[in-house]
Amino acid sequence: MYKLISIMMITLFASMLPSEASAQQKVDKVVLAIHGGAGTILKSKMTPEKEEAYIAVLTKALQTGYETLQAGKSSLDAVEQTIHVLEDSPLFNAGKGAVFTHNGKNELDASIVDGRTLEAGAVAGVTVVRNPISAARAVMEKSEHVMLVGKGAEDFAKAQGLQLVTPDYFWTQERWDALQNLLKRENDKVELDHDAETTIVDKRPKDEKFGTVGCVALDQQGNLAAGTSTGGMTNKKYGRVGDSPIIGAGTYANNANVAVSCTGWGEFFIRAMAAYDVAARMQYQGSTVEQAAQGVIDQIGKMGGDGGLIALDKDGRVAMPFNTEGMYRGTVSEKGEINVEIYR
């Protein structure tokens, strides 16, 4: 049986928790961690029913990954199967719960990295692949490429026998309403003239960019892996692609030190090469996973971006920093102890 520890963090106890969490991590090695997006996630705006639903899916995802690892399978298998659970839930901005583009479509991105070999695969802008994380893994293992996009990625997924769906599979009322609300707020935007062409720029940070899911895992052979999957940003235009499918920006893993998956304002994570920077700080500065991960999020904050990441090092120590009001996240230890957190 799994020991389920559901911790809803509140500001009153925030100063107490880091040291307690660090002490727990030293005692019990983490083998898998997940995130389900970061943003303005406030307990005051969360119904008990929805909170319970989020906890249930996050717990199921952690249990799935843990069972995969316990069966002796690879960290890659654990990452893929764990992310399937999150992609199949309408609660998260990935797979079934993907947000809509400006044109009312769902365009999905994903990537995966093998820490043992440094091989990687990614897809971007796919519209009919039920589980983009599996398409990303197929690109890594069954092609000579790292990233495929759009129709080509979909043709490749079909050729590999992956499950395809019609675009309406991804339609959900909540995500559709979010797009309509943003379209109504178009008059809050400013126009900038660049070479006689008008570009619409939203000056206000939007939580609609959050919801990406990710997983990092450490298997019984000591191999690390990381994966990330997303529907991108609500109301995105012009074929925009964020950090999630970009190796080194949204996802990275290296057996030498750490596996990382990011969530947040993708443009800033790309510019910071966030996922790789965690590994670089550990390798070249000798930083701990906690120091490296927090340093990257601090840097992104200084640049004007927001979001968070999960990082799992080769010894089973985990860091999950974020600079937003909350981040859906969780861990499972070597002993099967599950910890789910939502709020700051």
Protein backbone atom coordinates (compact mmCIF):
# COMPACT_ATOMS: atom_id res chain seq x y z
CA MET A 1 0.00 0.00 0.00
CA TYR A 2 1.11 3.50 -0.70
CA LYS A 3 1.43 6.07 2.04
CA LEU A 4 -0.40 9.13 0.73
CA ILE A 5 0.70 12.41 2.23
CA SER A 6 -1.33 15.31 0.83
CA ILE A 7 0.19 18.61 1.92
CA MET A 8 -1.64 21.81 1.13
CA MET A 9 0.98 24.44 1.90
CA ILE A 10 -0.09 27.83 3.30
CA THR A 11 1.89 30.99 3.88
CA LEU A 12 1.74 30.72 7.68
CA PHE A 13 3.97 27.65 7.64
CA ALA A 14 6.04 28.44 4.56
CA SER A 15 9.13 29.42 6.59
CA MET A 16 9.05 26.08 8.42
CA LEU A 17 8.74 23.70 5.51
CA PRO A 18 12.01 23.91 3.54
CA SER A 19 14.21 22.57 6.34
CA GLU A 20 11.69 19.83 7.15
CA ALA A 21 11.46 18.84 3.48
CA SER A 22 15.25 18.77 3.14
CA ALA A 23 15.58 16.55 6.18
CA GLN A 24 13.01 14.13 4.75
CA GLN A 25 14.76 14.00 1.40
CA LYS A 26 18.08 13.09 3.03
CA VAL A 27 16.46 10.16 4.79
CA ASP A 28 14.37 8.76 1.96
CA LYS A 29 15.61 8.84 -1.64
CA VAL A 30 13.15 10.21 -4.21
CA VAL A 31 12.85 8.09 -7.35
CA LEU A 32 10.26 10.10 -9.28
CA ALA A 33 8.89 13.64 -9.27
CA ILE A 34 6.19 15.35 -11.31
CA HIS A 35 4.73 18.77 -11.96
CA GLY A 36 1.42 19.82 -13.45
CA GLY A 37 2.04 23.49 -14.08
CA ALA A 38 2.72 26.68 -12.12
CA GLY A 39 0.73 29.88 -11.81
CA THR A 40 -1.69 31.83 -9.66
CA ILE A 41 -2.97 28.78 -7.83
CA LEU A 42 -4.69 30.01 -4.67
CA LYS A 43 -6.45 27.87 -2.10
CA SER A 44 -9.05 30.64 -1.73
CA LYS A 45 -10.02 30.16 -5.39
CA MET A 46 -9.95 26.35 -5.37
CA THR A 47 -13.10 24.39 -4.61
CA PRO A 48 -12.68 21.34 -2.34
CA GLU A 49 -13.96 19.14 -5.17
CA LYS A 50 -11.44 20.43 -7.70
CA GLU A 51 -8.61 20.27 -5.18
CA GLU A 52 -9.49 16.66 -4.50
CA ALA A 53 -9.55 15.94 -8.24
CA TYR A 54 -6.07 17.40 -8.74
CA ILE A 55 -4.68 15.43 -5.80
CA ALA A 56 -6.24 12.23 -7.15
CA VAL A 57 -4.71 12.55 -10.63
CA LEU A 58 -1.30 13.61 -9.33
CA THR A 59 -1.34 10.66 -6.94
CA LYS A 60 -2.34 8.27 -9.71
CA ALA A 61 0.50 9.56 -11.87
CA LEU A 62 3.03 9.05 -9.06
CA GLN A 63 1.71 5.57 -8.35
CA THR A 64 1.96 4.68 -12.04
CA GLY A 65 5.57 5.82 -12.24
CA TYR A 66 6.49 4.08 -9.01
CA GLU A 67 4.96 0.77 -10.11
CA THR A 68 6.86 1.02 -13.39
CA LEU A 69 10.16 1.52 -11.58
CA GLN A 70 9.39 -1.22 -9.05
CA ALA A 71 8.83 -3.61 -11.94
CA GLY A 72 12.45 -3.03 -12.91
CA LYS A 73 11.65 -0.96 -15.97
CA SER A 74 13.68 2.04 -17.11
CA SER A 75 13.40 5.65 -16.04
CA LEU A 76 12.30 6.39 -19.63
CA ASP A 77 9.40 3.96 -19.23
CA ALA A 78 8.45 5.55 -15.91
CA VAL A 79 8.52 9.07 -17.38
CA GLU A 80 6.43 8.08 -20.39
CA GLN A 81 3.80 6.16 -18.42
CA THR A 82 3.55 8.82 -15.73
CA ILE A 83 3.04 11.60 -18.26
CA HIS A 84 0.37 9.51 -20.01
CA VAL A 85 -1.76 9.82 -16.86
CA LEU A 86 -1.40 13.60 -16.89
CA GLU A 87 -1.92 13.90 -20.65
CA ASP A 88 -5.14 11.87 -20.40
CA SER A 89 -6.59 14.18 -17.74
CA PRO A 90 -8.51 17.34 -18.73
CA LEU A 91 -7.17 19.06 -15.59
CA PHE A 92 -3.77 19.82 -17.09
CA ASN A 93 -2.61 21.74 -20.13
CA ALA A 94 -1.27 18.71 -21.97
CA GLY A 95 -2.97 16.09 -24.10
CA LYS A 96 -6.70 15.98 -23.33
CA GLY A 97 -6.63 19.28 -21.42
CA ALA A 98 -4.60 21.26 -23.97
CA VAL A 99 -5.41 24.94 -24.38
CA PHE A 100 -6.59 26.54 -27.61
CA THR A 101 -4.62 28.67 -30.04
CA HIS A 102 -5.93 31.99 -31.34
CA ASN A 103 -7.48 30.09 -34.25
CA GLY A 104 -9.33 27.69 -31.96
CA LYS A 105 -7.03 24.71 -32.42
CA ASN A 106 -5.03 22.53 -30.02
CA GLU A 107 -1.31 22.32 -30.83
CA LEU A 108 0.72 20.07 -28.58
CA ASP A 109 4.45 19.85 -27.82
CA ALA A 110 6.54 17.31 -25.89
CA SER A 111 10.11 16.15 -25.33
CA ILE A 112 12.02 13.40 -23.54
CA VAL A 113 15.69 12.94 -22.66
CA ASP A 114 17.62 9.80 -21.71
CA GLY A 115 20.20 10.69 -19.05
CA ARG A 116 22.23 7.55 -19.76
CA THR A 117 22.94 8.27 -23.43
CA LEU A 118 21.96 11.96 -23.73
CA GLU A 119 19.68 10.94 -26.58
CA ALA A 120 16.55 13.06 -26.93
CA GLY A 121 13.34 13.36 -28.91
CA ALA A 122 10.70 16.02 -29.34
CA VAL A 123 7.58 16.94 -31.28
CA ALA A 124 5.92 20.32 -31.69
CA GLY A 125 2.62 21.58 -33.07
CA VAL A 126 0.91 18.18 -33.31
CA THR A 127 -2.88 18.12 -33.40
CA VAL A 128 -3.95 14.47 -33.64
CA VAL A 129 -1.49 12.53 -31.44
CA ARG A 130 -3.22 11.45 -28.23
CA ASN A 131 -0.01 11.19 -26.19
CA PRO A 132 2.71 13.51 -27.53
CA ILE A 133 5.26 12.22 -25.01
CA SER A 134 5.14 8.84 -26.79
CA ALA A 135 5.69 10.56 -30.12
CA ALA A 136 8.71 12.34 -28.65
CA ARG A 137 10.13 9.03 -27.46
CA ALA A 138 9.52 7.49 -30.87
CA VAL A 139 11.46 10.31 -32.51
CA MET A 140 14.34 9.62 -30.13
CA GLU A 141 14.40 5.86 -30.55
CA LYS A 142 13.13 5.25 -34.08
CA SER A 143 14.46 8.11 -36.14
CA GLU A 144 17.79 9.80 -36.75
CA HIS A 145 16.33 13.14 -35.67
CA VAL A 146 15.71 15.00 -32.42
CA MET A 147 12.66 17.13 -33.25
CA LEU A 148 9.78 16.76 -35.70
CA VAL A 149 7.00 19.32 -36.09
CA GLY A 150 3.46 19.63 -37.39
CA LYS A 151 2.15 17.34 -40.13
CA GLY A 152 5.50 15.61 -40.49
CA ALA A 153 5.51 14.66 -36.82
CA GLU A 154 1.95 13.37 -37.16
CA ASP A 155 2.84 11.27 -40.23
CA PHE A 156 5.78 9.83 -38.33
CA ALA A 157 3.58 9.02 -35.30
CA LYS A 158 1.11 7.24 -37.58
CA ALA A 159 3.91 5.25 -39.20
CA GLN A 160 5.08 4.15 -35.74
CA GLY A 161 1.61 2.90 -34.84
CA LEU A 162 0.95 5.49 -32.14
CA GLN A 163 -2.64 6.25 -31.17
CA LEU A 164 -4.12 9.08 -33.22
CA VAL A 165 -7.36 10.90 -32.46
CA THR A 166 -9.54 13.46 -34.19
CA PRO A 167 -8.87 17.07 -33.13
CA ASP A 168 -12.17 17.26 -31.23
CA TYR A 169 -10.76 14.76 -28.70
CA PHE A 170 -8.85 17.67 -27.15
CA TRP A 171 -11.88 20.00 -26.91
CA THR A 172 -12.91 20.87 -23.34
CA GLN A 173 -15.37 23.53 -22.21
CA GLU A 174 -13.02 25.07 -19.65
CA ARG A 175 -10.19 25.57 -22.15
CA TRP A 176 -12.60 26.90 -24.78
CA ASP A 177 -14.02 29.40 -22.32
CA ALA A 178 -10.50 30.51 -21.41
CA LEU A 179 -9.82 31.33 -25.06
CA GLN A 180 -13.07 33.25 -25.42
CA ASN A 181 -12.27 35.30 -22.31
CA LEU A 182 -8.87 36.19 -23.70
CA LEU A 183 -10.29 37.19 -27.07
CA LYS A 184 -12.66 39.56 -25.27
CA ARG A 185 -9.70 41.17 -23.56
CA GLU A 186 -7.92 41.99 -26.81
CA ASN A 187 -8.56 45.69 -26.23
CA ASP A 188 -6.21 45.55 -23.21
CA LYS A 189 -3.30 44.99 -25.57
CA VAL A 190 -1.00 47.50 -27.20
CA GLU A 191 0.18 47.68 -30.79
CA LEU A 192 3.82 48.06 -31.71
CA ASP A 193 4.80 49.03 -35.23
CA HIS A 194 7.71 47.02 -36.63
CA ASP A 195 8.67 47.63 -40.23
CA ALA A 196 5.15 48.70 -41.18
CA GLU A 197 3.66 45.49 -39.79
CA THR A 198 1.53 45.47 -36.68
CA THR A 199 2.39 43.07 -33.89
CA ILE A 200 0.05 42.57 -30.96
CA VAL A 201 1.87 42.40 -27.65
CA ASP A 202 0.22 41.65 -24.29
CA LYS A 203 2.04 43.51 -21.53
CA ARG A 204 0.24 41.67 -18.75
CA PRO A 205 1.54 38.24 -17.62
CA LYS A 206 -1.11 35.60 -18.23
CA ASP A 207 -1.71 32.41 -16.25
CA GLU A 208 -3.01 30.95 -19.50
CA LYS A 209 0.57 30.06 -20.35
CA PHE A 210 0.80 27.63 -17.42
CA GLY A 211 -0.30 24.01 -17.06
CA THR A 212 2.57 22.12 -18.66
CA VAL A 213 3.20 18.66 -17.17
CA GLY A 214 6.52 16.95 -16.58
CA CYS A 215 8.27 14.05 -14.91
CA VAL A 216 11.80 13.17 -13.81
CA ALA A 217 12.79 9.67 -12.73
CA LEU A 218 15.68 7.64 -11.35
CA ASP A 219 15.55 3.89 -12.02
CA GLN A 220 17.07 0.89 -10.24
CA GLN A 221 20.06 0.96 -12.59
CA GLY A 222 20.84 4.55 -11.62
CA ASN A 223 19.66 6.03 -14.91
CA LEU A 224 17.93 9.40 -15.02
CA ALA A 225 15.29 10.56 -17.52
CA ALA A 226 13.10 13.61 -17.97
CA GLY A 227 10.01 14.41 -20.02
CA THR A 228 7.71 17.38 -20.55
CA SER A 229 4.39 17.76 -22.38
CA THR A 230 2.20 20.81 -22.99
CA GLY A 231 -0.58 22.42 -24.95
CA GLY A 232 1.34 25.69 -24.94
CA MET A 233 -0.15 29.11 -24.32
CA THR A 234 -3.82 30.01 -24.64
CA ASN A 235 -4.43 32.33 -27.62
CA LYS A 236 -0.96 31.67 -29.08
CA LYS A 237 -0.48 32.72 -32.69
CA TYR A 238 1.79 32.23 -35.69
CA GLY A 239 2.84 28.68 -34.80
CA ARG A 240 4.38 29.74 -31.49
CA VAL A 241 6.46 27.07 -29.74
CA GLY A 242 7.58 27.39 -26.13
CA ASP A 243 10.35 25.73 -24.16
CA SER A 244 8.72 22.34 -23.52
CA PRO A 245 9.94 20.57 -26.71
CA ILE A 246 13.30 22.33 -26.75
CA ILE A 247 16.06 20.16 -25.32
CA GLY A 248 18.05 22.08 -22.72
CA ALA A 249 15.37 24.72 -22.28
CA GLY A 250 12.33 22.81 -21.02
CA THR A 251 13.79 19.34 -20.57
CA TYR A 252 17.20 17.86 -19.83
CA ALA A 253 18.73 14.79 -18.18
CA ASN A 254 22.30 13.60 -17.62
CA ASN A 255 23.30 10.65 -15.45
CA ALA A 256 26.30 12.69 -14.33
CA ASN A 257 24.12 14.97 -12.27
CA VAL A 258 20.42 15.69 -12.77
CA ALA A 259 17.12 15.36 -14.65
CA VAL A 260 15.00 18.50 -15.11
CA SER A 261 11.53 19.42 -16.41
CA CYS A 262 10.29 23.00 -16.52
CA THR A 263 6.96 24.81 -16.58
CA GLY A 264 6.20 28.49 -17.01
CA TRP A 265 6.64 31.38 -19.40
CA GLY A 266 8.43 29.49 -22.15
CA GLU A 267 10.11 32.43 -23.85
CA PHE A 268 12.12 33.14 -20.70
CA PHE A 269 13.01 29.49 -20.12
CA ILE A 270 14.31 29.30 -23.69
CA ARG A 271 16.44 32.41 -23.26
CA ALA A 272 17.81 31.09 -19.97
CA MET A 273 18.38 27.54 -21.30
CA ALA A 274 16.84 26.72 -17.94
CA ALA A 275 16.89 22.93 -17.81
CA TYR A 276 20.50 22.62 -18.96
CA ASP A 277 21.58 25.49 -16.73
CA VAL A 278 20.58 23.49 -13.66
CA ALA A 279 22.97 20.73 -14.76
CA ALA A 280 25.69 23.21 -15.70
CA ARG A 281 25.56 24.90 -12.29
CA MET A 282 25.91 21.51 -10.64
CA GLN A 283 28.77 20.41 -12.89
CA TYR A 284 30.82 23.60 -13.11
CA GLN A 285 29.99 25.38 -9.85
CA GLY A 286 29.59 22.34 -7.63
CA SER A 287 26.10 23.50 -6.62
CA THR A 288 23.64 21.15 -4.97
CA VAL A 289 20.44 20.39 -6.87
CA GLU A 290 18.56 22.75 -4.55
CA GLN A 291 21.03 25.59 -5.10
CA ALA A 292 21.20 25.09 -8.86
CA ALA A 293 17.44 24.84 -9.37
CA GLN A 294 16.68 27.85 -7.19
CA GLY A 295 19.41 29.84 -8.91
CA VAL A 296 17.84 29.21 -12.31
CA ILE A 297 14.37 30.25 -11.15
CA ASP A 298 15.85 33.36 -9.52
CA GLN A 299 17.56 34.25 -12.80
CA ILE A 300 14.34 33.80 -14.76
CA GLY A 301 12.58 36.04 -12.26
CA LYS A 302 15.19 38.75 -12.76
CA MET A 303 14.62 38.51 -16.51
CA GLY A 304 10.89 39.11 -15.97
CA GLY A 305 9.67 35.56 -16.36
CA ASP A 306 7.83 33.23 -14.03
CA GLY A 307 7.23 29.53 -13.55
CA GLY A 308 8.99 26.63 -11.90
CA LEU A 309 10.83 23.37 -12.42
CA ILE A 310 11.44 19.95 -10.93
CA ALA A 311 14.96 18.57 -10.66
CA LEU A 312 16.05 15.12 -9.44
CA ASP A 313 19.74 14.43 -8.97
CA LYS A 314 21.61 11.15 -9.37
CA ASP A 315 21.46 10.49 -5.61
CA GLY A 316 17.68 10.90 -5.35
CA ARG A 317 17.60 14.43 -4.00
CA VAL A 318 14.84 16.61 -5.41
CA ALA A 319 14.24 20.35 -5.81
CA MET A 320 10.98 21.94 -6.95
CA PRO A 321 11.37 25.75 -6.87
CA PHE A 322 8.87 28.17 -8.41
CA ASN A 323 8.22 31.92 -8.26
CA THR A 324 4.44 31.84 -8.72
CA GLU A 325 1.62 31.46 -6.20
CA GLY A 326 1.58 27.70 -6.63
CA MET A 327 2.73 24.70 -8.65
CA TYR A 328 1.08 21.31 -8.90
CA ARG A 329 3.84 18.92 -7.90
CA GLY A 330 4.61 15.64 -6.20
CA THR A 331 7.23 13.05 -5.37
CA VAL A 332 7.39 9.35 -4.61
CA SER A 333 10.23 7.88 -2.58
CA GLU A 334 12.11 4.64 -2.90
CA LYS A 335 9.83 3.28 -0.15
CA GLY A 336 6.68 4.28 -2.02
CA GLU A 337 5.81 7.31 0.11
CA ILE A 338 3.85 9.82 -1.94
CA ASN A 339 3.86 13.55 -1.31
CA VAL A 340 1.55 15.90 -3.26
CA GLU A 341 1.70 19.68 -2.96
CA ILE A 342 -0.17 22.50 -4.68
CA TYR A 343 0.28 25.83 -2.92
CA ARG A 344 3.28 27.89 -1.95
